[in-house]
Amino acid sequence: MKGFFAAIWKDGKLFLRKGGLFILLFPLLLFPLFAFFFQGQSGQMQAFPVMVIDEDQTIMSKTLIREMEKVELFSTVIKEEGEIGQEGRE
């Protein structure tokens, strides 16, 4: 039993010497910061619009666009067909 406590003591000293205490306390220091920034938010995401450019106009892409229209998170799905110019890709 004495060997067990010696091993725990040795590992504890190594842990605290190499910044282990910082690893344990750092999340506790971040918690008030997150609580301050996220106070008053309901936790629900707001719907946002999405634009889809269908360059190949295949059945698979049309199916994907239809499925995106069913997603409640997207308020609007705007469809464009054809290719976009180089200025739009930047």
PDB file of N, CA and C in Angstrom:
ATOM      1  N   MET A   1       0.824  -1.188   0.000  1.00  0.00           N
ATOM      2  CA  MET A   1       0.000   0.000   0.000  1.00  0.00           C
ATOM      3  C   MET A   1       0.867   1.250   0.000  1.00  0.00           C
ATOM      4  N   LYS A   2       2.027   1.154   0.639  1.00  0.00           N
ATOM      5  CA  LYS A   2       2.921   2.288   0.690  1.00  0.00           C
ATOM      6  C   LYS A   2       3.449   2.627  -0.708  1.00  0.00           C
ATOM      7  N   GLY A   3       3.674   1.596  -1.539  1.00  0.00           N
ATOM      8  CA  GLY A   3       4.132   1.805  -2.911  1.00  0.00           C
ATOM      9  C   GLY A   3       3.078   2.509  -3.757  1.00  0.00           C
ATOM     10  N   PHE A   4       1.818   2.162  -3.509  1.00  0.00           N
ATOM     11  CA  PHE A   4       0.731   2.797  -4.249  1.00  0.00           C
ATOM     12  C   PHE A   4       0.699   4.300  -3.972  1.00  0.00           C
ATOM     13  N   PHE A   5       0.763   4.683  -2.703  1.00  0.00           N
ATOM     14  CA  PHE A   5       0.744   6.100  -2.346  1.00  0.00           C
ATOM     15  C   PHE A   5       1.991   6.811  -2.854  1.00  0.00           C
ATOM     16  N   ALA A   6       3.111   6.127  -2.890  1.00  0.00           N
ATOM     17  CA  ALA A   6       4.337   6.722  -3.429  1.00  0.00           C
ATOM     18  C   ALA A   6       4.179   7.001  -4.920  1.00  0.00           C
ATOM     19  N   ALA A   7       3.550   6.075  -5.630  1.00  0.00           N
ATOM     20  CA  ALA A   7       3.338   6.275  -7.065  1.00  0.00           C
ATOM     21  C   ALA A   7       2.366   7.432  -7.302  1.00  0.00           C
ATOM     22  N   ILE A   8       1.293   7.514  -6.523  1.00  0.00           N
ATOM     23  CA  ILE A   8       0.331   8.618  -6.651  1.00  0.00           C
ATOM     24  C   ILE A   8       1.020   9.940  -6.345  1.00  0.00           C
ATOM     25  N   TRP A   9       1.819   9.982  -5.298  1.00  0.00           N
ATOM     26  CA  TRP A   9       2.529  11.206  -4.921  1.00  0.00           C
ATOM     27  C   TRP A   9       3.479  11.644  -6.035  1.00  0.00           C
ATOM     28  N   LYS A  10       4.224  10.682  -6.608  1.00  0.00           N
ATOM     29  CA  LYS A  10       5.170  10.993  -7.680  1.00  0.00           C
ATOM     30  C   LYS A  10       4.433  11.516  -8.923  1.00  0.00           C
ATOM     31  N   ASP A  11       3.346  10.853  -9.294  1.00  0.00           N
ATOM     32  CA  ASP A  11       2.581  11.293 -10.458  1.00  0.00           C
ATOM     33  C   ASP A  11       1.929  12.653 -10.213  1.00  0.00           C
ATOM     34  N   GLY A  12       1.457  12.893  -9.018  1.00  0.00           N
ATOM     35  CA  GLY A  12       0.876  14.195  -8.689  1.00  0.00           C
ATOM     36  C   GLY A  12       1.889  15.315  -8.795  1.00  0.00           C
ATOM     37  N   LYS A  13       3.105  15.069  -8.326  1.00  0.00           N
ATOM     38  CA  LYS A  13       4.148  16.083  -8.433  1.00  0.00           C
ATOM     39  C   LYS A  13       4.499  16.346  -9.896  1.00  0.00           C
ATOM     40  N   LEU A  14       4.595  15.298 -10.699  1.00  0.00           N
ATOM     41  CA  LEU A  14       4.875  15.478 -12.127  1.00  0.00           C
ATOM     42  C   LEU A  14       3.751  16.232 -12.827  1.00  0.00           C
ATOM     43  N   PHE A  15       2.527  15.901 -12.481  1.00  0.00           N
ATOM     44  CA  PHE A  15       1.375  16.544 -13.100  1.00  0.00           C
ATOM     45  C   PHE A  15       1.356  18.040 -12.799  1.00  0.00           C
ATOM     46  N   LEU A  16       1.576  18.398 -11.551  1.00  0.00           N
ATOM     47  CA  LEU A  16       1.539  19.806 -11.164  1.00  0.00           C
ATOM     48  C   LEU A  16       2.752  20.573 -11.674  1.00  0.00           C
ATOM     49  N   ARG A  17       3.875  19.895 -11.862  1.00  0.00           N
ATOM     50  CA  ARG A  17       5.070  20.577 -12.319  1.00  0.00           C
ATOM     51  C   ARG A  17       4.989  20.915 -13.808  1.00  0.00           C
ATOM     52  N   LYS A  18       4.344  20.119 -14.602  1.00  0.00           N
ATOM     53  CA  LYS A  18       4.317  20.312 -16.052  1.00  0.00           C
ATOM     54  C   LYS A  18       3.080  21.073 -16.528  1.00  0.00           C
ATOM     55  N   GLY A  19       2.458  21.855 -15.707  1.00  0.00           N
ATOM     56  CA  GLY A  19       1.317  22.652 -16.125  1.00  0.00           C
ATOM     57  C   GLY A  19      -0.012  21.946 -16.003  1.00  0.00           C
ATOM     58  N   GLY A  20      -0.063  20.863 -15.285  1.00  0.00           N
ATOM     59  CA  GLY A  20      -1.307  20.130 -15.125  1.00  0.00           C
ATOM     60  C   GLY A  20      -2.366  20.911 -14.378  1.00  0.00           C
ATOM     61  N   LEU A  21      -1.922  21.711 -13.420  1.00  0.00           N
ATOM     62  CA  LEU A  21      -2.874  22.530 -12.669  1.00  0.00           C
ATOM     63  C   LEU A  21      -3.528  23.558 -13.597  1.00  0.00           C
ATOM     64  N   PHE A  22      -2.751  24.103 -14.522  1.00  0.00           N
ATOM     65  CA  PHE A  22      -3.300  25.048 -15.494  1.00  0.00           C
ATOM     66  C   PHE A  22      -4.352  24.367 -16.364  1.00  0.00           C
ATOM     67  N   ILE A  23      -4.098  23.131 -16.783  1.00  0.00           N
ATOM     68  CA  ILE A  23      -5.048  22.393 -17.605  1.00  0.00           C
ATOM     69  C   ILE A  23      -6.352  22.162 -16.849  1.00  0.00           C
ATOM     70  N   LEU A  24      -6.266  21.951 -15.556  1.00  0.00           N
ATOM     71  CA  LEU A  24      -7.474  21.751 -14.757  1.00  0.00           C
ATOM     72  C   LEU A  24      -8.240  23.052 -14.518  1.00  0.00           C
ATOM     73  N   LEU A  25      -7.521  24.155 -14.333  1.00  0.00           N
ATOM     74  CA  LEU A  25      -8.170  25.409 -13.967  1.00  0.00           C
ATOM     75  C   LEU A  25      -8.554  26.272 -15.160  1.00  0.00           C
ATOM     76  N   PHE A  26      -7.941  26.081 -16.319  1.00  0.00           N
ATOM     77  CA  PHE A  26      -8.228  26.912 -17.476  1.00  0.00           C
ATOM     78  C   PHE A  26      -9.699  26.862 -17.896  1.00  0.00           C
ATOM     79  N   PRO A  27     -10.334  25.681 -17.967  1.00  0.00           N
ATOM     80  CA  PRO A  27     -11.770  25.679 -18.299  1.00  0.00           C
ATOM     81  C   PRO A  27     -12.619  26.425 -17.270  1.00  0.00           C
ATOM     82  N   LEU A  28     -12.220  26.383 -16.014  1.00  0.00           N
ATOM     83  CA  LEU A  28     -12.964  27.121 -14.995  1.00  0.00           C
ATOM     84  C   LEU A  28     -12.820  28.626 -15.189  1.00  0.00           C
ATOM     85  N   LEU A  29     -11.679  29.058 -15.728  1.00  0.00           N
ATOM     86  CA  LEU A  29     -11.489  30.473 -16.011  1.00  0.00           C
ATOM     87  C   LEU A  29     -12.286  30.907 -17.248  1.00  0.00           C
ATOM     88  N   LEU A  30     -12.467  30.004 -18.194  1.00  0.00           N
ATOM     89  CA  LEU A  30     -13.215  30.325 -19.409  1.00  0.00           C
ATOM     90  C   LEU A  30     -14.725  30.330 -19.190  1.00  0.00           C
ATOM     91  N   PHE A  31     -15.207  29.599 -18.228  1.00  0.00           N
ATOM     92  CA  PHE A  31     -16.646  29.492 -17.995  1.00  0.00           C
ATOM     93  C   PHE A  31     -17.312  30.846 -17.783  1.00  0.00           C
ATOM     94  N   PRO A  32     -16.793  31.741 -16.925  1.00  0.00           N
ATOM     95  CA  PRO A  32     -17.444  33.053 -16.769  1.00  0.00           C
ATOM     96  C   PRO A  32     -17.426  33.870 -18.067  1.00  0.00           C
ATOM     97  N   LEU A  33     -16.384  33.706 -18.864  1.00  0.00           N
ATOM     98  CA  LEU A  33     -16.308  34.420 -20.133  1.00  0.00           C
ATOM     99  C   LEU A  33     -17.416  33.977 -21.080  1.00  0.00           C
ATOM    100  N   PHE A  34     -17.617  32.660 -21.213  1.00  0.00           N
ATOM    101  CA  PHE A  34     -18.693  32.145 -22.053  1.00  0.00           C
ATOM    102  C   PHE A  34     -20.059  32.539 -21.499  1.00  0.00           C
ATOM    103  N   ALA A  35     -20.202  32.501 -20.199  1.00  0.00           N
ATOM    104  CA  ALA A  35     -21.483  32.870 -19.589  1.00  0.00           C
ATOM    105  C   ALA A  35     -21.812  34.334 -19.865  1.00  0.00           C
ATOM    106  N   PHE A  36     -20.796  35.188 -19.876  1.00  0.00           N
ATOM    107  CA  PHE A  36     -21.015  36.606 -20.146  1.00  0.00           C
ATOM    108  C   PHE A  36     -21.439  36.824 -21.601  1.00  0.00           C
ATOM    109  N   PHE A  37     -20.769  36.159 -22.545  1.00  0.00           N
ATOM    110  CA  PHE A  37     -21.055  36.377 -23.959  1.00  0.00           C
ATOM    111  C   PHE A  37     -22.378  35.765 -24.401  1.00  0.00           C
ATOM    112  N   PHE A  38     -22.768  34.657 -23.806  1.00  0.00           N
ATOM    113  CA  PHE A  38     -23.954  33.949 -24.260  1.00  0.00           C
ATOM    114  C   PHE A  38     -25.178  34.182 -23.375  1.00  0.00           C
ATOM    115  N   GLN A  39     -25.138  35.149 -22.495  1.00  0.00           N
ATOM    116  CA  GLN A  39     -26.289  35.400 -21.638  1.00  0.00           C
ATOM    117  C   GLN A  39     -27.424  35.996 -22.461  1.00  0.00           C
ATOM    118  N   GLY A  40     -28.630  35.609 -22.152  1.00  0.00           N
ATOM    119  CA  GLY A  40     -29.796  36.159 -22.807  1.00  0.00           C
ATOM    120  C   GLY A  40     -30.128  35.563 -24.157  1.00  0.00           C
ATOM    121  N   GLN A  41     -29.345  34.620 -24.640  1.00  0.00           N
ATOM    122  CA  GLN A  41     -29.673  33.992 -25.911  1.00  0.00           C
ATOM    123  C   GLN A  41     -30.521  32.763 -25.654  1.00  0.00           C
ATOM    124  N   SER A  42     -31.496  32.562 -26.521  1.00  0.00           N
ATOM    125  CA  SER A  42     -32.433  31.463 -26.297  1.00  0.00           C
ATOM    126  C   SER A  42     -31.859  30.115 -26.700  1.00  0.00           C
ATOM    127  N   GLY A  43     -30.770  30.097 -27.453  1.00  0.00           N
ATOM    128  CA  GLY A  43     -30.179  28.840 -27.869  1.00  0.00           C
ATOM    129  C   GLY A  43     -30.725  28.315 -29.182  1.00  0.00           C
ATOM    130  N   GLN A  44     -31.668  29.016 -29.777  1.00  0.00           N
ATOM    131  CA  GLN A  44     -32.212  28.587 -31.058  1.00  0.00           C
ATOM    132  C   GLN A  44     -31.555  29.378 -32.178  1.00  0.00           C
ATOM    133  N   MET A  45     -31.325  28.692 -33.278  1.00  0.00           N
ATOM    134  CA  MET A  45     -30.724  29.355 -34.428  1.00  0.00           C
ATOM    135  C   MET A  45     -31.807  30.048 -35.243  1.00  0.00           C
ATOM    136  N   GLN A  46     -31.448  31.156 -35.847  1.00  0.00           N
ATOM    137  CA  GLN A  46     -32.373  31.876 -36.700  1.00  0.00           C
ATOM    138  C   GLN A  46     -32.241  31.362 -38.132  1.00  0.00           C
ATOM    139  N   ALA A  47     -33.352  31.330 -38.828  1.00  0.00           N
ATOM    140  CA  ALA A  47     -33.340  30.883 -40.213  1.00  0.00           C
ATOM    141  C   ALA A  47     -32.612  31.912 -41.078  1.00  0.00           C
ATOM    142  N   PHE A  48     -31.916  31.430 -42.095  1.00  0.00           N
ATOM    143  CA  PHE A  48     -31.175  32.321 -42.985  1.00  0.00           C
ATOM    144  C   PHE A  48     -31.345  31.853 -44.430  1.00  0.00           C
ATOM    145  N   PRO A  49     -31.212  32.795 -45.388  1.00  0.00           N
ATOM    146  CA  PRO A  49     -31.381  32.427 -46.795  1.00  0.00           C
ATOM    147  C   PRO A  49     -30.131  31.733 -47.345  1.00  0.00           C
ATOM    148  N   VAL A  50     -30.343  30.889 -48.353  1.00  0.00           N
ATOM    149  CA  VAL A  50     -29.256  30.149 -49.000  1.00  0.00           C
ATOM    150  C   VAL A  50     -29.425  30.282 -50.506  1.00  0.00           C
ATOM    151  N   MET A  51     -28.312  30.446 -51.210  1.00  0.00           N
ATOM    152  CA  MET A  51     -28.355  30.486 -52.671  1.00  0.00           C
ATOM    153  C   MET A  51     -27.609  29.284 -53.213  1.00  0.00           C
ATOM    154  N   VAL A  52     -28.236  28.590 -54.166  1.00  0.00           N
ATOM    155  CA  VAL A  52     -27.650  27.402 -54.771  1.00  0.00           C
ATOM    156  C   VAL A  52     -27.520  27.663 -56.267  1.00  0.00           C
ATOM    157  N   ILE A  53     -26.320  27.409 -56.805  1.00  0.00           N
ATOM    158  CA  ILE A  53     -26.097  27.549 -58.240  1.00  0.00           C
ATOM    159  C   ILE A  53     -25.972  26.149 -58.817  1.00  0.00           C
ATOM    160  N   ASP A  54     -26.919  25.793 -59.651  1.00  0.00           N
ATOM    161  CA  ASP A  54     -26.981  24.456 -60.256  1.00  0.00           C
ATOM    162  C   ASP A  54     -26.281  24.514 -61.607  1.00  0.00           C
ATOM    163  N   GLU A  55     -24.989  24.146 -61.610  1.00  0.00           N
ATOM    164  CA  GLU A  55     -24.210  24.225 -62.835  1.00  0.00           C
ATOM    165  C   GLU A  55     -24.435  23.037 -63.761  1.00  0.00           C
ATOM    166  N   ASP A  56     -24.667  21.855 -63.210  1.00  0.00           N
ATOM    167  CA  ASP A  56     -24.787  20.678 -64.074  1.00  0.00           C
ATOM    168  C   ASP A  56     -26.235  20.289 -64.374  1.00  0.00           C
ATOM    169  N   GLN A  57     -27.172  20.770 -63.587  1.00  0.00           N
ATOM    170  CA  GLN A  57     -28.606  20.544 -63.783  1.00  0.00           C
ATOM    171  C   GLN A  57     -28.944  19.051 -63.933  1.00  0.00           C
ATOM    172  N   THR A  58     -28.381  18.256 -63.048  1.00  0.00           N
ATOM    173  CA  THR A  58     -28.676  16.825 -63.055  1.00  0.00           C
ATOM    174  C   THR A  58     -29.813  16.525 -62.082  1.00  0.00           C
ATOM    175  N   ILE A  59     -30.275  15.284 -62.118  1.00  0.00           N
ATOM    176  CA  ILE A  59     -31.344  14.861 -61.214  1.00  0.00           C
ATOM    177  C   ILE A  59     -30.873  14.939 -59.767  1.00  0.00           C
ATOM    178  N   MET A  60     -29.612  14.582 -59.551  1.00  0.00           N
ATOM    179  CA  MET A  60     -29.067  14.594 -58.188  1.00  0.00           C
ATOM    180  C   MET A  60     -29.059  16.018 -57.612  1.00  0.00           C
ATOM    181  N   SER A  61     -28.655  16.992 -58.404  1.00  0.00           N
ATOM    182  CA  SER A  61     -28.618  18.365 -57.892  1.00  0.00           C
ATOM    183  C   SER A  61     -30.032  18.911 -57.674  1.00  0.00           C
ATOM    184  N   LYS A  62     -30.962  18.555 -58.542  1.00  0.00           N
ATOM    185  CA  LYS A  62     -32.346  19.003 -58.347  1.00  0.00           C
ATOM    186  C   LYS A  62     -32.950  18.372 -57.094  1.00  0.00           C
ATOM    187  N   THR A  63     -32.599  17.110 -56.820  1.00  0.00           N
ATOM    188  CA  THR A  63     -33.061  16.446 -55.605  1.00  0.00           C
ATOM    189  C   THR A  63     -32.483  17.131 -54.371  1.00  0.00           C
ATOM    190  N   LEU A  64     -31.211  17.480 -54.448  1.00  0.00           N
ATOM    191  CA  LEU A  64     -30.561  18.165 -53.337  1.00  0.00           C
ATOM    192  C   LEU A  64     -31.241  19.512 -53.062  1.00  0.00           C
ATOM    193  N   ILE A  65     -31.565  20.251 -54.111  1.00  0.00           N
ATOM    194  CA  ILE A  65     -32.228  21.548 -53.933  1.00  0.00           C
ATOM    195  C   ILE A  65     -33.607  21.359 -53.317  1.00  0.00           C
ATOM    196  N   ARG A  66     -34.341  20.335 -53.760  1.00  0.00           N
ATOM    197  CA  ARG A  66     -35.660  20.071 -53.170  1.00  0.00           C
ATOM    198  C   ARG A  66     -35.546  19.732 -51.689  1.00  0.00           C
ATOM    199  N   GLU A  67     -34.538  18.939 -51.340  1.00  0.00           N
ATOM    200  CA  GLU A  67     -34.338  18.588 -49.930  1.00  0.00           C
ATOM    201  C   GLU A  67     -33.943  19.811 -49.106  1.00  0.00           C
ATOM    202  N   MET A  68     -33.160  20.704 -49.692  1.00  0.00           N
ATOM    203  CA  MET A  68     -32.780  21.924 -48.976  1.00  0.00           C
ATOM    204  C   MET A  68     -33.989  22.812 -48.729  1.00  0.00           C
ATOM    205  N   GLU A  69     -34.947  22.808 -49.638  1.00  0.00           N
ATOM    206  CA  GLU A  69     -36.156  23.611 -49.444  1.00  0.00           C
ATOM    207  C   GLU A  69     -37.000  23.100 -48.283  1.00  0.00           C
ATOM    208  N   LYS A  70     -36.852  21.835 -47.940  1.00  0.00           N
ATOM    209  CA  LYS A  70     -37.606  21.258 -46.821  1.00  0.00           C
ATOM    210  C   LYS A  70     -36.986  21.578 -45.464  1.00  0.00           C
ATOM    211  N   VAL A  71     -35.714  21.978 -45.452  1.00  0.00           N
ATOM    212  CA  VAL A  71     -35.017  22.248 -44.195  1.00  0.00           C
ATOM    213  C   VAL A  71     -35.537  23.556 -43.601  1.00  0.00           C
ATOM    214  N   GLU A  72     -35.960  23.521 -42.357  1.00  0.00           N
ATOM    215  CA  GLU A  72     -36.540  24.698 -41.707  1.00  0.00           C
ATOM    216  C   GLU A  72     -35.501  25.759 -41.376  1.00  0.00           C
ATOM    217  N   LEU A  73     -34.240  25.374 -41.302  1.00  0.00           N
ATOM    218  CA  LEU A  73     -33.191  26.324 -40.961  1.00  0.00           C
ATOM    219  C   LEU A  73     -32.955  27.330 -42.082  1.00  0.00           C
ATOM    220  N   PHE A  74     -33.253  26.950 -43.326  1.00  0.00           N
ATOM    221  CA  PHE A  74     -33.094  27.855 -44.454  1.00  0.00           C
ATOM    222  C   PHE A  74     -34.410  28.595 -44.673  1.00  0.00           C
ATOM    223  N   SER A  75     -34.383  29.909 -44.506  1.00  0.00           N
ATOM    224  CA  SER A  75     -35.618  30.678 -44.682  1.00  0.00           C
ATOM    225  C   SER A  75     -36.016  30.727 -46.150  1.00  0.00           C
ATOM    226  N   THR A  76     -35.043  30.858 -47.032  1.00  0.00           N
ATOM    227  CA  THR A  76     -35.288  30.916 -48.465  1.00  0.00           C
ATOM    228  C   THR A  76     -34.176  30.167 -49.178  1.00  0.00           C
ATOM    229  N   VAL A  77     -34.536  29.385 -50.196  1.00  0.00           N
ATOM    230  CA  VAL A  77     -33.545  28.735 -51.047  1.00  0.00           C
ATOM    231  C   VAL A  77     -33.681  29.356 -52.426  1.00  0.00           C
ATOM    232  N   ILE A  78     -32.668  30.111 -52.825  1.00  0.00           N
ATOM    233  CA  ILE A  78     -32.669  30.789 -54.118  1.00  0.00           C
ATOM    234  C   ILE A  78     -31.923  29.904 -55.104  1.00  0.00           C
ATOM    235  N   LYS A  79     -32.563  29.600 -56.233  1.00  0.00           N
ATOM    236  CA  LYS A  79     -31.963  28.716 -57.234  1.00  0.00           C
ATOM    237  C   LYS A  79     -31.511  29.534 -58.431  1.00  0.00           C
ATOM    238  N   GLU A  80     -30.299  29.256 -58.875  1.00  0.00           N
ATOM    239  CA  GLU A  80     -29.765  29.830 -60.103  1.00  0.00           C
ATOM    240  C   GLU A  80     -29.311  28.668 -60.968  1.00  0.00           C
ATOM    241  N   GLU A  81     -29.560  28.765 -62.253  1.00  0.00           N
ATOM    242  CA  GLU A  81     -29.099  27.728 -63.161  1.00  0.00           C
ATOM    243  C   GLU A  81     -28.025  28.301 -64.048  1.00  0.00           C
ATOM    244  N   GLY A  82     -27.098  27.442 -64.452  1.00  0.00           N
ATOM    245  CA  GLY A  82     -26.006  27.872 -65.317  1.00  0.00           C
ATOM    246  C   GLY A  82     -24.759  28.127 -64.510  1.00  0.00           C
ATOM    247  N   GLU A  83     -23.740  28.637 -65.209  1.00  0.00           N
ATOM    248  CA  GLU A  83     -22.447  28.873 -64.567  1.00  0.00           C
ATOM    249  C   GLU A  83     -22.358  30.312 -64.098  1.00  0.00           C
ATOM    250  N   ILE A  84     -21.541  30.510 -63.078  1.00  0.00           N
ATOM    251  CA  ILE A  84     -21.306  31.865 -62.609  1.00  0.00           C
ATOM    252  C   ILE A  84     -19.971  32.322 -63.171  1.00  0.00           C
ATOM    253  N   GLY A  85     -19.794  33.619 -63.281  1.00  0.00           N
ATOM    254  CA  GLY A  85     -18.550  34.165 -63.816  1.00  0.00           C
ATOM    255  C   GLY A  85     -17.417  34.070 -62.812  1.00  0.00           C
ATOM    256  N   GLN A  86     -16.226  34.389 -63.256  1.00  0.00           N
ATOM    257  CA  GLN A  86     -15.047  34.326 -62.398  1.00  0.00           C
ATOM    258  C   GLN A  86     -15.154  35.301 -61.235  1.00  0.00           C
ATOM    259  N   GLU A  87     -15.797  36.452 -61.430  1.00  0.00           N
ATOM    260  CA  GLU A  87     -15.897  37.431 -60.343  1.00  0.00           C
ATOM    261  C   GLU A  87     -16.741  36.906 -59.195  1.00  0.00           C
ATOM    262  N   GLY A  88     -17.662  35.986 -59.447  1.00  0.00           N
ATOM    263  CA  GLY A  88     -18.492  35.417 -58.393  1.00  0.00           C
ATOM    264  C   GLY A  88     -17.787  34.335 -57.607  1.00  0.00           C
ATOM    265  N   ARG A  89     -16.744  33.759 -58.160  1.00  0.00           N
ATOM    266  CA  ARG A  89     -16.029  32.672 -57.485  1.00  0.00           C
ATOM    267  C   ARG A  89     -14.996  33.168 -56.499  1.00  0.00           C
ATOM    268  N   GLU A  90     -14.678  34.415 -56.501  1.00  0.00           N
ATOM    269  CA  GLU A  90     -13.628  34.947 -55.625  1.00  0.00           C
ATOM    270  C   GLU A  90     -14.135  35.213 -54.239  1.00  0.00           C
TER     271      GLU A  90
END
